[in-house]
Amino acid sequence: MVDKNTTGKIKQELTKQEKVISLFKFIEEINKLKQKIVLRVSDYPWWYSINDLPDDSENIKVYYRDYAEEDSETGPNTLLPVHKPEFQSCPEPDLRFEEWLDQG
């Protein structure tokens, strides 16, 4: 809102609504400076390609949307089921090392 006082100078007074709008515009511009717009997935620091997954067909399966296979373990929206493998217990250490090792 523009108001002209008696000396001829223009005095600007912002309404509360205009102040709030300018505050949100300021916050929006600050946010644009702080956030990087990522246009490709490979630009993320944490991305991982499906091709880089280990070749372990027993524990890791990849389902593509264009490949239709019914699996009773996974639902229709599952793309990457991962199964935790069963680990074998460690072998008993040699008796020569028995004095050096703690129980456990």
Protein backbone atom coordinates (compact mmCIF):
# COMPACT_ATOMS: atom_id res chain seq x y z
CA MET A 1 0.00 0.00 0.00
CA VAL A 2 1.44 3.36 -1.02
CA ASP A 3 0.63 6.47 0.99
CA LYS A 4 1.72 10.04 0.22
CA ASN A 5 2.39 12.26 3.20
CA THR A 6 2.34 16.06 3.33
CA THR A 7 5.99 16.58 2.36
CA GLY A 8 5.51 14.81 -0.98
CA LYS A 9 7.62 11.75 -0.14
CA ILE A 10 6.14 8.34 -0.84
CA LYS A 11 5.68 6.26 2.28
CA GLN A 12 5.15 2.53 1.90
CA GLU A 13 3.17 0.58 4.45
CA LEU A 14 2.77 -3.16 4.11
CA THR A 15 -0.34 -4.86 5.32
CA LYS A 16 -0.04 -7.95 7.51
CA GLN A 17 -0.96 -10.14 4.54
CA GLU A 18 1.75 -8.56 2.37
CA LYS A 19 4.30 -9.06 5.15
CA VAL A 20 3.41 -12.74 5.45
CA ILE A 21 3.60 -13.20 1.68
CA SER A 22 7.02 -11.54 1.52
CA LEU A 23 8.24 -13.67 4.44
CA PHE A 24 7.18 -16.88 2.67
CA LYS A 25 8.83 -15.72 -0.56
CA PHE A 26 12.03 -15.05 1.39
CA ILE A 27 11.93 -18.52 2.97
CA GLU A 28 11.29 -20.06 -0.45
CA GLU A 29 14.34 -18.32 -1.95
CA ILE A 30 16.56 -19.36 0.99
CA ASN A 31 15.36 -22.94 0.56
CA LYS A 32 16.27 -22.85 -3.15
CA LEU A 33 19.81 -21.81 -2.23
CA LYS A 34 20.24 -24.63 0.28
CA GLN A 35 18.70 -27.50 -1.70
CA LYS A 36 20.29 -28.94 -4.79
CA ILE A 37 17.82 -30.01 -7.45
CA VAL A 38 18.66 -33.58 -8.46
CA LEU A 39 17.60 -34.51 -11.96
CA ARG A 40 19.27 -37.93 -12.23
CA VAL A 41 19.27 -40.73 -9.67
CA SER A 42 22.99 -41.24 -10.23
CA ASP A 43 23.62 -37.75 -8.80
CA TYR A 44 22.51 -38.90 -5.33
CA PRO A 45 25.40 -39.94 -3.06
CA TRP A 46 23.56 -43.12 -1.94
CA TRP A 47 22.36 -44.52 -5.26
CA TYR A 48 23.03 -48.15 -6.13
CA SER A 49 22.39 -49.78 -9.47
CA ILE A 50 20.51 -53.08 -9.68
CA ASN A 51 23.27 -54.33 -11.97
CA ASP A 52 25.76 -53.87 -9.11
CA LEU A 53 23.90 -56.25 -6.79
CA PRO A 54 25.74 -59.48 -6.00
CA ASP A 55 24.86 -62.42 -8.23
CA ASP A 56 23.14 -64.55 -5.58
CA SER A 57 19.94 -65.92 -7.11
CA GLU A 58 19.18 -67.98 -4.00
CA ASN A 59 18.95 -64.96 -1.66
CA ILE A 60 18.37 -61.93 -3.93
CA LYS A 61 15.67 -61.81 -6.59
CA VAL A 62 14.79 -58.88 -8.82
CA TYR A 63 11.30 -58.62 -10.30
CA TYR A 64 10.65 -56.19 -13.10
CA ARG A 65 7.23 -54.69 -13.77
CA ASP A 66 7.17 -56.09 -17.31
CA TYR A 67 8.00 -59.59 -16.04
CA ALA A 68 4.95 -61.25 -14.53
CA GLU A 69 5.64 -64.21 -12.26
CA GLU A 70 3.48 -65.13 -9.33
CA ASP A 71 5.40 -65.91 -6.18
CA SER A 72 3.64 -66.95 -3.00
CA GLU A 73 6.32 -65.32 -0.79
CA THR A 74 6.09 -61.87 -2.34
CA GLY A 75 3.17 -59.66 -3.17
CA PRO A 76 2.40 -58.11 -6.55
CA ASN A 77 4.18 -54.84 -5.63
CA THR A 78 7.49 -56.37 -4.53
CA LEU A 79 10.45 -55.56 -6.77
CA LEU A 80 13.47 -56.62 -4.71
CA PRO A 81 13.00 -59.32 -2.08
CA VAL A 82 16.16 -60.16 -0.11
CA HIS A 83 16.52 -63.31 1.98
CA LYS A 84 19.01 -63.46 4.83
CA PRO A 85 21.17 -66.53 4.29
CA GLU A 86 21.69 -69.12 7.01
CA PHE A 87 25.22 -68.79 8.30
CA GLN A 88 27.32 -71.75 9.33
CA SER A 89 28.93 -71.71 12.75
CA CYS A 90 32.64 -71.07 12.95
CA PRO A 91 34.93 -74.09 13.26
CA GLU A 92 36.49 -74.84 16.61
CA PRO A 93 39.90 -73.17 16.99
CA ASP A 94 43.04 -75.24 17.15
CA LEU A 95 44.11 -76.24 20.66
CA ARG A 96 47.33 -74.24 20.24
CA PHE A 97 45.27 -71.02 20.40
CA GLU A 98 43.13 -72.01 23.38
CA GLU A 99 45.17 -69.99 25.89
CA TRP A 100 44.90 -66.81 23.77
CA LEU A 101 41.14 -66.86 23.27
CA ASP A 102 38.37 -65.75 25.61
CA GLN A 103 35.30 -67.89 26.10
CA GLY A 104 32.34 -66.86 23.97
